[in-house]
Amino acid sequence: MKYNLLGNTGLYVSELCLGTMTFGGRGMWTAIGTLPQDQVNSLVKQSVDGGINFIDTANIYSEGLSEQMTGQAIRDLGLKRDNLVIATKVRGQMGEGPNEVGLSKKHILQQADESLERLKMDYIDLYQIHGFDRLTPLEETLEALDSLVKSGKVRYIGCSNLAAWQLMKALGISAQQHLSKFVSLQAYYTIAGRDLERELVPLLLDQKVGLMVWSPLAGGLLSGKYSRDAETKEGRRVNFDFPPVNKEKAFDIVDVMRKIADNKGVTVAQIALSWLLHQPAVSSVIIGANKPAQLADNLSSVDVKLEAEELAQLDEVSKLPPEYPGWMIERQGSGR
């Protein structure tokens, strides 16, 4: 396991991060996982034993139960809190009232306290907004997050699922008003979904913002279970076909990954994860699991090294089609 600096900070995080969407299972989250506490404890132990120091959750996962079980697992296992980097998120609907959703100062400050209570912790290492709130001014959101950092309840702030203009606007406001800046973006990125590379990846590299990847196997589509010729009756996508993917192109990519995987004696999922670990913008890849064997397979991806020729094959089958203004910027910049 390697450890990378998270954006422009001195904080080291493991290149794989344990995701907790499978913990508990309430409401819509039952389609993703319904793990009880003893199995949660086992997965957390397996992850930490494998070198992971980074755990990501959210207040909305299983309606707060995921945070609760994450904190309980750390206590049950006797893990030292300060050796771990704990990340959680705020934005989603946490009650029926009009102020129990979004990124207002009221909601953020209330939810930070409730997340700390569920986790049974004194501070959150990385507190992330879970998306954009079109009703709340960014200034209000950033001021609320900055106050949490100043209070000691939060160490760093991050964001998730933002467009490039939204993230750049937030960074500009923070710089202008001397507020805490987003140090990371949590975003969907896979070899079968490289849209992030058009605008966000150049921004992240230029502004030294870290990248945490969610759903690196495209909701299981790149796990090796699925192919264009076979109907699969198990796996997350049977009940929860998300995130959206161009499946024909994805299966073309899987065909190439399968050949490379067979030559190396590894799994298709390990190739998909390894490809992400080879991308320069990536700080950490979030992996989630329902079973120990699945987690063990994902953990082993850190040992899979892709040669230049293999990376070129994967790039060729998965690359984005040219799009304006990207092709014009590349053309004009070729001589500089």
Protein backbone atom coordinates (compact mmCIF):
# COMPACT_ATOMS: atom_id res chain seq x y z
CA MET A 1 0.00 0.00 0.00
CA LYS A 2 1.29 3.43 -0.96
CA TYR A 3 0.35 6.66 0.80
CA ASN A 4 -0.28 9.85 -1.15
CA LEU A 5 -0.56 13.44 -0.02
CA LEU A 6 -4.17 14.60 -0.25
CA GLY A 7 -4.04 17.60 -2.55
CA ASN A 8 -1.91 20.51 -1.39
CA THR A 9 -1.75 19.31 2.24
CA GLY A 10 0.66 17.39 4.41
CA LEU A 11 -1.94 14.68 5.05
CA TYR A 12 -1.03 11.18 3.84
CA VAL A 13 -3.88 8.90 2.80
CA SER A 14 -3.71 5.31 1.57
CA GLU A 15 -4.05 4.90 -2.19
CA LEU A 16 -7.11 2.75 -1.48
CA CYS A 17 -9.88 4.09 0.75
CA LEU A 18 -12.55 1.95 2.40
CA GLY A 19 -16.04 3.04 1.36
CA THR A 20 -18.94 2.33 3.71
CA MET A 21 -22.08 2.38 1.55
CA THR A 22 -22.57 -1.35 2.22
CA PHE A 23 -22.76 -0.80 6.00
CA GLY A 24 -26.21 -1.16 7.58
CA GLY A 25 -28.85 -0.87 4.91
CA ARG A 26 -31.82 1.42 5.36
CA GLY A 27 -34.17 2.85 2.76
CA MET A 28 -32.72 2.94 -0.77
CA TRP A 29 -29.33 1.79 0.56
CA THR A 30 -30.53 -1.80 0.96
CA ALA A 31 -29.84 -2.22 -2.79
CA ILE A 32 -26.14 -1.62 -2.11
CA GLY A 33 -25.54 -3.50 1.13
CA THR A 34 -27.05 -4.57 4.44
CA LEU A 35 -24.00 -5.60 6.42
CA PRO A 36 -24.49 -6.13 10.18
CA GLN A 37 -21.99 -4.83 12.75
CA ASP A 38 -19.92 -8.02 13.07
CA GLN A 39 -19.32 -8.15 9.30
CA VAL A 40 -18.56 -4.43 9.24
CA ASN A 41 -15.95 -5.00 11.95
CA SER A 42 -14.36 -7.79 9.90
CA LEU A 43 -14.13 -5.66 6.76
CA VAL A 44 -12.67 -2.69 8.65
CA LYS A 45 -10.06 -4.97 10.27
CA GLN A 46 -9.21 -6.57 6.93
CA SER A 47 -8.79 -3.11 5.37
CA VAL A 48 -6.58 -1.74 8.14
CA ASP A 49 -4.50 -4.94 8.14
CA GLY A 50 -4.08 -4.42 4.40
CA GLY A 51 -2.63 -0.95 4.94
CA ILE A 52 -5.70 1.26 4.53
CA ASN A 53 -5.76 4.30 6.84
CA PHE A 54 -8.56 6.16 5.01
CA ILE A 55 -12.30 5.50 5.55
CA ASP A 56 -15.06 7.39 3.74
CA THR A 57 -18.69 7.59 4.83
CA ALA A 58 -21.58 10.09 4.65
CA ASN A 59 -24.42 11.19 6.88
CA ILE A 60 -26.95 10.07 4.29
CA TYR A 61 -25.62 6.49 3.89
CA SER A 62 -28.28 4.22 5.38
CA GLU A 63 -29.79 7.32 7.01
CA GLY A 64 -26.90 7.76 9.43
CA LEU A 65 -26.40 4.09 10.25
CA SER A 66 -23.21 3.82 8.18
CA GLU A 67 -21.49 6.53 10.24
CA GLN A 68 -22.69 4.89 13.44
CA MET A 69 -21.37 1.46 12.45
CA THR A 70 -18.07 2.89 11.20
CA GLY A 71 -17.40 4.53 14.55
CA GLN A 72 -18.51 1.41 16.41
CA ALA A 73 -16.16 -0.80 14.38
CA ILE A 74 -13.20 1.43 15.24
CA ARG A 75 -14.03 1.17 18.94
CA ASP A 76 -14.79 -2.56 18.83
CA LEU A 77 -11.45 -3.26 17.15
CA GLY A 78 -9.51 -1.02 19.52
CA LEU A 79 -8.07 1.00 16.63
CA LYS A 80 -6.25 4.21 17.47
CA ARG A 81 -8.40 7.06 16.17
CA ASP A 82 -5.46 9.31 15.34
CA ASN A 83 -3.95 6.68 13.04
CA LEU A 84 -7.00 6.88 10.79
CA VAL A 85 -8.25 9.50 8.35
CA ILE A 86 -12.05 9.64 8.62
CA ALA A 87 -14.07 11.38 5.92
CA THR A 88 -17.80 12.05 5.85
CA LYS A 89 -20.20 14.24 3.89
CA VAL A 90 -23.12 16.65 4.17
CA ARG A 91 -25.89 17.81 1.82
CA GLY A 92 -28.50 15.07 1.58
CA GLN A 93 -32.00 15.02 3.05
CA MET A 94 -31.74 14.05 6.73
CA GLY A 95 -35.29 14.80 7.83
CA GLU A 96 -38.65 16.08 6.62
CA GLY A 97 -38.14 19.75 7.43
CA PRO A 98 -37.23 22.35 4.77
CA ASN A 99 -33.88 23.06 6.48
CA GLU A 100 -32.86 19.42 6.82
CA VAL A 101 -31.22 19.29 3.42
CA GLY A 102 -28.70 21.37 1.45
CA LEU A 103 -25.65 23.42 2.27
CA SER A 104 -26.99 26.28 4.39
CA LYS A 105 -25.01 27.30 7.44
CA LYS A 106 -27.79 25.96 9.65
CA HIS A 107 -27.82 22.52 8.04
CA ILE A 108 -24.03 22.15 7.83
CA LEU A 109 -23.39 23.06 11.47
CA GLN A 110 -26.22 20.85 12.70
CA GLN A 111 -25.12 17.88 10.59
CA ALA A 112 -21.47 18.17 11.58
CA ASP A 113 -22.50 17.81 15.23
CA GLU A 114 -24.81 14.89 14.41
CA SER A 115 -22.10 13.12 12.38
CA LEU A 116 -19.67 13.51 15.27
CA GLU A 117 -22.28 12.07 17.61
CA ARG A 118 -22.95 9.07 15.36
CA LEU A 119 -19.24 8.44 14.85
CA LYS A 120 -18.57 9.06 18.56
CA MET A 121 -15.54 11.16 17.62
CA ASP A 122 -14.19 14.57 18.58
CA TYR A 123 -13.23 15.62 15.06
CA ILE A 124 -13.66 14.75 11.38
CA ASP A 125 -10.51 14.65 9.27
CA LEU A 126 -12.18 15.46 5.94
CA TYR A 127 -15.65 17.01 5.82
CA GLN A 128 -17.05 17.09 2.29
CA ILE A 129 -20.04 18.69 0.66
CA HIS A 130 -21.84 15.85 -1.16
CA GLY A 131 -22.84 17.93 -4.17
CA PHE A 132 -23.89 21.40 -5.28
CA ASP A 133 -26.76 23.32 -3.65
CA ARG A 134 -28.18 25.76 -6.18
CA LEU A 135 -30.20 27.62 -3.49
CA THR A 136 -27.39 28.40 -1.04
CA PRO A 137 -24.68 30.94 -1.94
CA LEU A 138 -21.23 29.34 -2.03
CA GLU A 139 -20.04 32.08 0.32
CA GLU A 140 -22.44 30.90 3.02
CA THR A 141 -21.41 27.26 2.59
CA LEU A 142 -17.70 28.05 2.70
CA GLU A 143 -18.07 30.31 5.74
CA ALA A 144 -19.86 27.52 7.60
CA LEU A 145 -17.17 24.99 6.68
CA ASP A 146 -14.42 27.43 7.63
CA SER A 147 -16.01 27.93 11.06
CA LEU A 148 -15.90 24.15 11.60
CA VAL A 149 -12.19 24.10 10.78
CA LYS A 150 -11.52 27.02 13.13
CA SER A 151 -13.51 25.31 15.90
CA GLY A 152 -11.38 22.15 15.63
CA LYS A 153 -14.33 19.92 14.73
CA VAL A 154 -13.00 19.49 11.19
CA ARG A 155 -9.39 19.30 9.95
CA TYR A 156 -9.85 19.67 6.17
CA ILE A 157 -12.75 20.32 3.81
CA GLY A 158 -13.53 18.69 0.49
CA CYS A 159 -16.26 18.49 -2.12
CA SER A 160 -17.96 15.89 -4.28
CA ASN A 161 -19.77 15.80 -7.62
CA LEU A 162 -19.05 19.41 -8.61
CA ALA A 163 -18.61 20.79 -12.11
CA ALA A 164 -15.28 22.43 -12.91
CA TRP A 165 -16.75 25.95 -12.84
CA GLN A 166 -18.35 25.32 -9.45
CA LEU A 167 -15.12 24.03 -7.91
CA MET A 168 -13.04 26.85 -9.39
CA LYS A 169 -15.56 29.44 -8.18
CA ALA A 170 -15.37 27.96 -4.67
CA LEU A 171 -11.56 28.02 -4.68
CA GLY A 172 -11.66 31.65 -5.83
CA ILE A 173 -14.05 32.68 -3.05
CA SER A 174 -11.92 30.92 -0.43
CA ALA A 175 -8.77 32.66 -1.67
CA GLN A 176 -10.46 36.08 -1.83
CA GLN A 177 -12.08 35.84 1.60
CA HIS A 178 -9.27 33.91 3.35
CA LEU A 179 -11.46 30.89 4.06
CA SER A 180 -10.49 27.23 4.23
CA LYS A 181 -10.17 25.75 0.73
CA PHE A 182 -11.43 22.48 -0.65
CA VAL A 183 -8.42 20.16 -0.61
CA SER A 184 -10.07 17.29 -2.49
CA LEU A 185 -12.79 16.36 -4.94
CA GLN A 186 -14.62 13.05 -4.66
CA ALA A 187 -15.85 12.13 -8.13
CA TYR A 188 -16.91 9.30 -10.41
CA TYR A 189 -14.00 8.16 -12.59
CA THR A 190 -13.42 4.82 -14.26
CA ILE A 191 -11.71 3.50 -17.36
CA ALA A 192 -15.24 3.20 -18.78
CA GLY A 193 -16.20 6.74 -17.76
CA ARG A 194 -13.39 9.24 -18.36
CA ASP A 195 -15.52 12.41 -18.67
CA LEU A 196 -13.64 13.87 -15.68
CA GLU A 197 -10.58 14.29 -17.91
CA ARG A 198 -12.15 17.03 -20.04
CA GLU A 199 -12.27 19.85 -17.49
CA LEU A 200 -11.87 18.58 -13.93
CA VAL A 201 -8.59 16.67 -14.14
CA PRO A 202 -6.70 19.65 -15.63
CA LEU A 203 -8.20 21.86 -12.90
CA LEU A 204 -7.22 19.42 -10.13
CA LEU A 205 -3.64 19.18 -11.36
CA ASP A 206 -3.33 22.95 -11.83
CA GLN A 207 -4.83 23.84 -8.44
CA LYS A 208 -3.24 20.89 -6.57
CA VAL A 209 -6.61 19.51 -5.45
CA GLY A 210 -6.67 15.80 -4.56
CA LEU A 211 -8.96 13.31 -6.28
CA MET A 212 -10.89 10.59 -4.45
CA VAL A 213 -12.55 8.20 -6.91
CA TRP A 214 -15.98 6.76 -6.18
CA SER A 215 -17.45 3.72 -7.95
CA PRO A 216 -14.13 2.79 -9.61
CA LEU A 217 -15.71 -0.40 -11.00
CA ALA A 218 -18.71 1.48 -12.46
CA GLY A 219 -21.17 -0.04 -10.01
CA GLY A 220 -19.69 -3.50 -10.55
CA LEU A 221 -19.86 -3.40 -14.36
CA LEU A 222 -16.05 -3.67 -14.53
CA SER A 223 -15.83 -6.41 -11.91
CA GLY A 224 -15.53 -9.17 -14.51
CA LYS A 225 -18.98 -10.60 -13.69
CA TYR A 226 -20.63 -8.94 -16.66
CA SER A 227 -20.17 -9.40 -20.40
CA ARG A 228 -22.19 -8.54 -23.48
CA ASP A 229 -22.90 -12.21 -24.14
CA ALA A 230 -24.02 -13.36 -20.69
CA GLU A 231 -27.01 -12.37 -18.57
CA THR A 232 -25.83 -11.91 -14.97
CA LYS A 233 -28.40 -12.43 -12.23
CA GLU A 234 -26.26 -11.30 -9.30
CA GLY A 235 -24.36 -8.14 -8.39
CA ARG A 236 -25.34 -4.57 -7.59
CA ARG A 237 -26.35 -3.62 -11.13
CA VAL A 238 -29.15 -6.19 -11.15
CA ASN A 239 -31.08 -4.13 -8.58
CA PHE A 240 -29.35 -0.74 -8.89
CA ASP A 241 -28.18 0.00 -12.44
CA PHE A 242 -26.02 3.00 -11.59
CA PRO A 243 -23.93 4.97 -12.50
CA PRO A 244 -24.90 5.46 -16.16
CA VAL A 245 -22.39 3.83 -18.52
CA ASN A 246 -22.11 3.30 -22.26
CA LYS A 247 -22.26 -0.47 -21.87
CA GLU A 248 -21.20 -1.39 -25.40
CA LYS A 249 -18.03 0.67 -25.03
CA ALA A 250 -17.55 -0.67 -21.49
CA PHE A 251 -17.68 -4.25 -22.76
CA ASP A 252 -15.08 -3.40 -25.44
CA ILE A 253 -12.86 -2.17 -22.61
CA VAL A 254 -13.58 -5.26 -20.52
CA ASP A 255 -12.48 -7.45 -23.45
CA VAL A 256 -9.07 -5.75 -23.48
CA MET A 257 -8.79 -5.80 -19.69
CA ARG A 258 -9.65 -9.50 -19.61
CA LYS A 259 -6.77 -10.34 -21.98
CA ILE A 260 -4.32 -8.34 -19.86
CA ALA A 261 -5.72 -9.86 -16.66
CA ASP A 262 -5.37 -13.41 -18.02
CA ASN A 263 -1.76 -12.75 -19.06
CA LYS A 264 -0.95 -11.47 -15.57
CA GLY A 265 -2.96 -14.06 -13.67
CA VAL A 266 -5.11 -11.40 -11.99
CA THR A 267 -8.76 -10.34 -12.17
CA VAL A 268 -10.49 -7.85 -14.44
CA ALA A 269 -11.43 -5.78 -11.38
CA GLN A 270 -7.78 -5.53 -10.37
CA ILE A 271 -6.87 -4.22 -13.82
CA ALA A 272 -9.63 -1.59 -13.63
CA LEU A 273 -8.43 -0.44 -10.20
CA SER A 274 -4.77 -0.55 -11.18
CA TRP A 275 -5.47 1.66 -14.21
CA LEU A 276 -6.88 4.30 -11.88
CA LEU A 277 -3.89 4.02 -9.54
CA HIS A 278 -1.66 4.80 -12.53
CA GLN A 279 -3.46 8.11 -13.22
CA PRO A 280 -1.51 11.15 -11.94
CA ALA A 281 -4.54 13.08 -10.62
CA VAL A 282 -5.74 10.24 -8.38
CA SER A 283 -5.00 10.49 -4.64
CA SER A 284 -7.12 7.57 -3.44
CA VAL A 285 -9.57 5.07 -4.92
CA ILE A 286 -12.61 4.21 -2.79
CA ILE A 287 -13.40 0.51 -2.64
CA GLY A 288 -16.49 -1.00 -1.05
CA ALA A 289 -17.36 -4.62 -0.42
CA ASN A 290 -20.04 -6.96 0.86
CA LYS A 291 -17.73 -9.97 1.19
CA PRO A 292 -14.16 -10.50 2.49
CA ALA A 293 -13.11 -12.20 -0.78
CA GLN A 294 -14.24 -9.17 -2.79
CA LEU A 295 -12.31 -6.83 -0.49
CA ALA A 296 -9.20 -9.04 -0.66
CA ASP A 297 -9.34 -8.97 -4.46
CA ASN A 298 -9.58 -5.17 -4.47
CA LEU A 299 -6.77 -4.78 -1.94
CA SER A 300 -4.50 -6.84 -4.18
CA SER A 301 -4.87 -4.30 -7.00
CA VAL A 302 -2.07 -2.22 -5.45
CA ASP A 303 0.37 -4.96 -6.46
CA VAL A 304 -0.68 -4.99 -10.13
CA LYS A 305 1.74 -3.02 -12.28
CA LEU A 306 0.75 -2.09 -15.82
CA GLU A 307 3.46 -1.80 -18.46
CA ALA A 308 3.56 1.14 -20.88
CA GLU A 309 2.26 -1.04 -23.72
CA GLU A 310 -0.65 -2.26 -21.59
CA LEU A 311 -1.53 1.29 -20.55
CA ALA A 312 -1.44 2.29 -24.22
CA GLN A 313 -3.85 -0.53 -25.13
CA LEU A 314 -6.23 0.48 -22.36
CA ASP A 315 -6.03 4.14 -23.34
CA GLU A 316 -6.76 3.38 -26.99
CA VAL A 317 -9.94 1.41 -26.24
CA SER A 318 -11.24 3.81 -23.59
CA LYS A 319 -10.14 7.31 -24.64
CA LEU A 320 -12.65 10.11 -25.00
CA PRO A 321 -13.60 11.35 -28.48
CA PRO A 322 -12.19 14.81 -29.28
CA GLU A 323 -14.44 17.65 -28.15
CA TYR A 324 -14.26 21.42 -28.60
CA PRO A 325 -12.50 23.44 -27.21
CA GLY A 326 -10.15 20.63 -26.19
CA TRP A 327 -9.06 19.79 -29.72
CA MET A 328 -8.43 23.47 -30.51
CA ILE A 329 -6.45 24.05 -27.30
CA GLU A 330 -4.32 20.99 -28.09
CA ARG A 331 -3.79 22.13 -31.69
CA GLN A 332 -2.80 25.68 -30.74
CA GLY A 333 -0.60 24.52 -27.88
CA SER A 334 1.40 21.97 -29.85
CA GLY A 335 4.18 24.43 -30.72
CA ARG A 336 4.68 25.85 -27.22
